[in-house]
N, C-alpha and C. Protein backbone atom coordinates (compact mmCIF):
# COMPACT_ATOMS: atom_id res chain seq x y z
N MET A 1 -9.01 152.86 -17.92
CA MET A 1 -7.76 153.09 -17.18
C MET A 1 -6.89 151.84 -17.31
N ASN A 2 -5.60 152.04 -17.52
CA ASN A 2 -4.70 150.89 -17.51
C ASN A 2 -3.79 150.97 -16.29
N PHE A 3 -3.04 149.91 -16.06
CA PHE A 3 -2.23 149.83 -14.84
C PHE A 3 -1.23 150.96 -14.70
N ARG A 4 -0.75 151.52 -15.80
CA ARG A 4 0.24 152.60 -15.73
C ARG A 4 -0.34 153.88 -15.14
N GLU A 5 -1.64 153.99 -15.12
CA GLU A 5 -2.29 155.17 -14.56
C GLU A 5 -2.52 155.05 -13.05
N LEU A 6 -2.32 153.88 -12.50
CA LEU A 6 -2.50 153.68 -11.06
C LEU A 6 -1.34 154.31 -10.30
N ARG A 7 -1.65 155.14 -9.33
CA ARG A 7 -0.60 155.80 -8.54
C ARG A 7 0.30 154.79 -7.83
N VAL A 8 -0.30 153.72 -7.34
CA VAL A 8 0.49 152.71 -6.63
C VAL A 8 1.50 152.06 -7.59
N TYR A 9 1.10 151.82 -8.82
CA TYR A 9 2.02 151.26 -9.80
C TYR A 9 3.15 152.25 -10.07
N GLN A 10 2.81 153.50 -10.28
CA GLN A 10 3.80 154.53 -10.59
C GLN A 10 4.83 154.66 -9.47
N LYS A 11 4.34 154.66 -8.23
CA LYS A 11 5.24 154.81 -7.08
C LYS A 11 6.11 153.56 -6.90
N ALA A 12 5.51 152.39 -7.05
CA ALA A 12 6.27 151.15 -6.91
C ALA A 12 7.33 151.04 -8.00
N TYR A 13 6.97 151.43 -9.22
CA TYR A 13 7.91 151.38 -10.34
C TYR A 13 9.09 152.33 -10.10
N ALA A 14 8.79 153.54 -9.69
CA ALA A 14 9.84 154.52 -9.42
C ALA A 14 10.76 154.04 -8.30
N ASN A 15 10.19 153.46 -7.26
CA ASN A 15 10.99 152.96 -6.15
C ASN A 15 11.89 151.81 -6.62
N SER A 16 11.36 150.93 -7.45
CA SER A 16 12.17 149.81 -7.92
C SER A 16 13.33 150.29 -8.79
N LEU A 17 13.11 151.34 -9.57
CA LEU A 17 14.20 151.90 -10.38
C LEU A 17 15.33 152.43 -9.49
N GLU A 18 14.95 153.15 -8.44
CA GLU A 18 15.96 153.69 -7.52
C GLU A 18 16.72 152.57 -6.83
N ILE A 19 15.99 151.55 -6.38
CA ILE A 19 16.62 150.42 -5.69
C ILE A 19 17.54 149.67 -6.64
N HIS A 20 17.12 149.51 -7.87
CA HIS A 20 17.95 148.85 -8.87
C HIS A 20 19.28 149.59 -9.01
N LYS A 21 19.19 150.90 -9.17
CA LYS A 21 20.40 151.70 -9.37
C LYS A 21 21.34 151.63 -8.17
N VAL A 22 20.80 151.77 -6.96
CA VAL A 22 21.66 151.75 -5.78
C VAL A 22 22.26 150.36 -5.56
N SER A 23 21.52 149.31 -5.90
CA SER A 23 22.04 147.96 -5.69
C SER A 23 23.22 147.65 -6.61
N MET A 24 23.31 148.35 -7.72
CA MET A 24 24.42 148.13 -8.65
C MET A 24 25.72 148.76 -8.13
N GLU A 25 25.62 149.51 -7.03
CA GLU A 25 26.80 150.10 -6.40
C GLU A 25 27.33 149.23 -5.26
N PHE A 26 26.65 148.13 -4.95
CA PHE A 26 27.10 147.23 -3.89
C PHE A 26 28.41 146.58 -4.32
N PRO A 27 29.13 145.99 -3.35
CA PRO A 27 30.32 145.21 -3.73
C PRO A 27 29.92 144.14 -4.75
N LYS A 28 30.85 143.77 -5.62
CA LYS A 28 30.56 142.84 -6.72
C LYS A 28 29.81 141.59 -6.26
N TYR A 29 30.31 140.95 -5.20
CA TYR A 29 29.69 139.71 -4.75
C TYR A 29 28.26 139.92 -4.28
N GLU A 30 27.94 141.11 -3.76
CA GLU A 30 26.58 141.38 -3.30
C GLU A 30 25.66 141.80 -4.44
N GLN A 31 26.21 142.23 -5.55
CA GLN A 31 25.37 142.56 -6.69
C GLN A 31 24.65 141.30 -7.19
N TYR A 32 25.27 140.14 -6.99
CA TYR A 32 24.68 138.88 -7.44
C TYR A 32 23.92 138.16 -6.34
N GLU A 33 24.05 138.60 -5.14
CA GLU A 33 23.36 137.97 -4.01
C GLU A 33 22.23 138.87 -3.53
N LEU A 34 22.51 139.66 -2.53
CA LEU A 34 21.50 140.54 -1.94
C LEU A 34 20.97 141.54 -2.97
N GLY A 35 21.85 142.09 -3.78
CA GLY A 35 21.42 143.06 -4.79
C GLY A 35 20.43 142.46 -5.77
N SER A 36 20.71 141.25 -6.22
CA SER A 36 19.82 140.58 -7.16
C SER A 36 18.46 140.30 -6.52
N GLN A 37 18.47 139.86 -5.28
CA GLN A 37 17.21 139.62 -4.56
C GLN A 37 16.40 140.90 -4.44
N MET A 38 17.09 141.99 -4.11
CA MET A 38 16.40 143.28 -3.97
C MET A 38 15.79 143.74 -5.29
N ARG A 39 16.55 143.59 -6.35
CA ARG A 39 16.05 144.01 -7.66
C ARG A 39 14.80 143.21 -8.03
N ARG A 40 14.84 141.90 -7.83
CA ARG A 40 13.68 141.07 -8.17
C ARG A 40 12.48 141.40 -7.29
N ALA A 41 12.69 141.53 -6.00
CA ALA A 41 11.58 141.80 -5.09
C ALA A 41 10.96 143.17 -5.35
N SER A 42 11.79 144.18 -5.57
CA SER A 42 11.25 145.53 -5.78
C SER A 42 10.48 145.60 -7.10
N LYS A 43 10.98 144.91 -8.11
CA LYS A 43 10.27 144.89 -9.39
C LYS A 43 8.97 144.09 -9.30
N SER A 44 8.96 143.10 -8.46
CA SER A 44 7.78 142.26 -8.29
C SER A 44 6.57 143.05 -7.78
N VAL A 45 6.82 144.09 -7.01
CA VAL A 45 5.70 144.91 -6.50
C VAL A 45 4.94 145.51 -7.66
N ALA A 46 5.63 146.24 -8.52
CA ALA A 46 4.98 146.87 -9.67
C ALA A 46 4.43 145.82 -10.64
N MET A 47 5.17 144.75 -10.84
CA MET A 47 4.73 143.72 -11.79
C MET A 47 3.45 143.03 -11.34
N ASN A 48 3.32 142.78 -10.06
CA ASN A 48 2.09 142.14 -9.57
C ASN A 48 0.89 143.05 -9.69
N VAL A 49 1.08 144.33 -9.44
CA VAL A 49 -0.01 145.29 -9.62
C VAL A 49 -0.43 145.30 -11.09
N ALA A 50 0.56 145.37 -11.97
CA ALA A 50 0.27 145.42 -13.41
C ALA A 50 -0.42 144.15 -13.88
N GLU A 51 0.11 143.00 -13.48
CA GLU A 51 -0.48 141.75 -13.95
C GLU A 51 -1.90 141.55 -13.43
N GLY A 52 -2.10 141.80 -12.16
CA GLY A 52 -3.43 141.62 -11.59
C GLY A 52 -4.47 142.57 -12.15
N TYR A 53 -4.07 143.79 -12.37
CA TYR A 53 -4.99 144.81 -12.88
C TYR A 53 -5.19 144.67 -14.39
N GLY A 54 -4.13 144.37 -15.08
CA GLY A 54 -4.15 144.38 -16.53
C GLY A 54 -4.89 143.23 -17.18
N LYS A 55 -5.04 142.12 -16.50
CA LYS A 55 -5.66 140.96 -17.12
C LYS A 55 -7.16 140.88 -16.87
N GLY A 56 -7.71 141.80 -16.14
CA GLY A 56 -9.15 141.79 -15.89
C GLY A 56 -9.61 140.60 -15.06
N TYR A 57 -8.77 140.20 -14.12
CA TYR A 57 -9.14 139.10 -13.24
C TYR A 57 -10.34 139.46 -12.38
N SER A 58 -10.88 138.46 -11.72
CA SER A 58 -11.95 138.69 -10.75
C SER A 58 -11.38 139.49 -9.58
N LYS A 59 -12.28 140.00 -8.74
CA LYS A 59 -11.83 140.74 -7.55
C LYS A 59 -10.92 139.88 -6.69
N ALA A 60 -11.30 138.62 -6.51
CA ALA A 60 -10.50 137.73 -5.66
C ALA A 60 -9.10 137.53 -6.24
N GLU A 61 -9.00 137.36 -7.56
CA GLU A 61 -7.70 137.18 -8.19
C GLU A 61 -6.85 138.45 -8.10
N PHE A 62 -7.48 139.59 -8.34
CA PHE A 62 -6.73 140.85 -8.26
C PHE A 62 -6.22 141.05 -6.84
N LYS A 63 -7.04 140.75 -5.86
CA LYS A 63 -6.61 140.87 -4.47
C LYS A 63 -5.42 139.96 -4.18
N ARG A 64 -5.41 138.79 -4.78
CA ARG A 64 -4.29 137.87 -4.60
C ARG A 64 -3.00 138.50 -5.13
N PHE A 65 -3.08 139.15 -6.29
CA PHE A 65 -1.90 139.84 -6.83
C PHE A 65 -1.48 141.00 -5.94
N LEU A 66 -2.45 141.72 -5.38
CA LEU A 66 -2.12 142.81 -4.46
C LEU A 66 -1.43 142.28 -3.20
N MET A 67 -1.89 141.14 -2.72
CA MET A 67 -1.26 140.54 -1.54
C MET A 67 0.18 140.12 -1.85
N MET A 68 0.41 139.58 -3.04
CA MET A 68 1.77 139.22 -3.43
C MET A 68 2.65 140.47 -3.53
N ALA A 69 2.08 141.55 -4.06
CA ALA A 69 2.82 142.81 -4.15
C ALA A 69 3.17 143.32 -2.75
N LEU A 70 2.24 143.21 -1.83
CA LEU A 70 2.47 143.64 -0.45
C LEU A 70 3.58 142.80 0.19
N GLY A 71 3.57 141.49 -0.06
CA GLY A 71 4.62 140.62 0.47
C GLY A 71 5.99 140.97 -0.10
N SER A 72 6.05 141.24 -1.39
CA SER A 72 7.32 141.63 -2.01
C SER A 72 7.80 142.96 -1.46
N ASN A 73 6.88 143.88 -1.24
CA ASN A 73 7.22 145.18 -0.67
C ASN A 73 7.84 145.01 0.72
N ASP A 74 7.26 144.14 1.52
CA ASP A 74 7.82 143.89 2.86
C ASP A 74 9.17 143.19 2.78
N GLU A 75 9.34 142.33 1.78
CA GLU A 75 10.63 141.67 1.57
C GLU A 75 11.71 142.71 1.29
N VAL A 76 11.40 143.71 0.48
CA VAL A 76 12.35 144.78 0.18
C VAL A 76 12.72 145.52 1.46
N ARG A 77 11.76 145.73 2.34
CA ARG A 77 12.04 146.45 3.58
C ARG A 77 13.07 145.71 4.43
N VAL A 78 12.95 144.38 4.49
CA VAL A 78 13.93 143.58 5.25
C VAL A 78 15.30 143.68 4.57
N GLN A 79 15.31 143.59 3.25
CA GLN A 79 16.57 143.68 2.51
C GLN A 79 17.23 145.04 2.71
N LEU A 80 16.42 146.09 2.79
CA LEU A 80 16.97 147.41 3.07
C LEU A 80 17.63 147.46 4.44
N ASP A 81 17.04 146.79 5.42
CA ASP A 81 17.65 146.72 6.75
C ASP A 81 19.03 146.06 6.67
N TYR A 82 19.09 144.95 5.94
CA TYR A 82 20.39 144.29 5.76
C TYR A 82 21.40 145.23 5.11
N CYS A 83 20.97 145.92 4.08
CA CYS A 83 21.88 146.83 3.36
C CYS A 83 22.41 147.92 4.27
N ARG A 84 21.54 148.49 5.09
CA ARG A 84 22.00 149.52 6.04
C ARG A 84 22.97 148.92 7.04
N ASP A 85 22.59 147.78 7.62
CA ASP A 85 23.40 147.19 8.68
C ASP A 85 24.74 146.64 8.17
N LEU A 86 24.80 146.30 6.89
CA LEU A 86 26.05 145.83 6.29
C LEU A 86 26.87 146.98 5.72
N GLY A 87 26.33 148.19 5.77
CA GLY A 87 27.06 149.36 5.32
C GLY A 87 27.00 149.60 3.81
N TYR A 88 26.05 148.99 3.13
CA TYR A 88 25.93 149.17 1.67
C TYR A 88 25.15 150.43 1.31
N ILE A 89 24.30 150.88 2.22
CA ILE A 89 23.58 152.14 2.04
C ILE A 89 23.68 152.93 3.35
N THR A 90 23.56 154.23 3.24
CA THR A 90 23.61 155.09 4.43
C THR A 90 22.27 155.03 5.17
N SER A 91 22.28 155.52 6.38
CA SER A 91 21.02 155.61 7.14
C SER A 91 20.02 156.52 6.44
N GLU A 92 20.54 157.58 5.81
CA GLU A 92 19.66 158.50 5.07
C GLU A 92 19.02 157.80 3.88
N GLN A 93 19.80 157.03 3.14
CA GLN A 93 19.24 156.28 2.01
C GLN A 93 18.21 155.27 2.51
N HIS A 94 18.55 154.60 3.60
CA HIS A 94 17.62 153.62 4.17
C HIS A 94 16.31 154.31 4.53
N SER A 95 16.38 155.44 5.19
CA SER A 95 15.16 156.17 5.58
C SER A 95 14.33 156.55 4.36
N HIS A 96 14.98 156.99 3.31
CA HIS A 96 14.28 157.38 2.09
C HIS A 96 13.56 156.17 1.46
N TYR A 97 14.30 155.08 1.24
CA TYR A 97 13.70 153.90 0.60
C TYR A 97 12.64 153.26 1.49
N GLU A 98 12.89 153.26 2.79
CA GLU A 98 11.91 152.72 3.74
C GLU A 98 10.62 153.52 3.66
N ALA A 99 10.73 154.85 3.65
CA ALA A 99 9.54 155.70 3.55
C ALA A 99 8.77 155.44 2.26
N GLU A 100 9.50 155.22 1.17
CA GLU A 100 8.84 154.91 -0.11
C GLU A 100 8.11 153.58 -0.02
N CYS A 101 8.74 152.58 0.59
CA CYS A 101 8.10 151.27 0.75
C CYS A 101 6.87 151.36 1.65
N VAL A 102 6.97 152.14 2.72
CA VAL A 102 5.81 152.31 3.61
C VAL A 102 4.66 152.95 2.84
N ALA A 103 4.97 153.96 2.04
CA ALA A 103 3.93 154.64 1.26
C ALA A 103 3.28 153.66 0.28
N VAL A 104 4.08 152.87 -0.41
CA VAL A 104 3.54 151.88 -1.34
C VAL A 104 2.69 150.86 -0.59
N GLY A 105 3.17 150.42 0.56
CA GLY A 105 2.40 149.46 1.37
C GLY A 105 1.05 150.01 1.78
N LYS A 106 1.01 151.27 2.17
CA LYS A 106 -0.26 151.89 2.54
C LYS A 106 -1.20 151.97 1.34
N MET A 107 -0.64 152.29 0.18
CA MET A 107 -1.46 152.37 -1.03
C MET A 107 -2.02 150.99 -1.40
N LEU A 108 -1.19 149.96 -1.27
CA LEU A 108 -1.65 148.61 -1.56
C LEU A 108 -2.74 148.17 -0.59
N THR A 109 -2.55 148.49 0.69
CA THR A 109 -3.54 148.13 1.71
C THR A 109 -4.86 148.84 1.45
N THR A 110 -4.79 150.12 1.10
CA THR A 110 -6.01 150.87 0.77
C THR A 110 -6.70 150.25 -0.44
N MET A 111 -5.92 149.89 -1.43
CA MET A 111 -6.49 149.29 -2.63
C MET A 111 -7.14 147.95 -2.31
N LEU A 112 -6.51 147.17 -1.45
CA LEU A 112 -7.09 145.89 -1.04
C LEU A 112 -8.45 146.10 -0.37
N LYS A 113 -8.53 147.08 0.49
CA LYS A 113 -9.79 147.36 1.19
C LYS A 113 -10.88 147.79 0.22
N LYS A 114 -10.51 148.56 -0.79
CA LYS A 114 -11.49 149.03 -1.77
C LYS A 114 -12.02 147.91 -2.65
N TRP A 115 -11.23 146.85 -2.84
CA TRP A 115 -11.62 145.75 -3.71
C TRP A 115 -12.33 144.64 -2.96
N GLN A 116 -12.75 144.89 -1.72
CA GLN A 116 -13.48 143.86 -0.95
C GLN A 116 -14.92 143.76 -1.37
């Protein structure tokens, strides 16, 4: 199995694509500030899963990558709050992306428990 077959990777990747697209609709100045931060953080979730799983690290190392992915996922959640409160996304969009982040977070937490 490779990292692309992991459901958590697939979900995190899909979420980061959606976040990337919506962030490009922000006002110009926010595309380079908050938008850029969101794009990097959301992509970091999938990238950390891929890197940790793909290199055949020890359990402890893989768990470290999963923890970084979880931290990036939570960072995106805070950024989504800012986007909603600043009027860059609707409450409905916020609810959708938040639910996706929560789902990814649960998957990462489950994976962490399995790798103990």
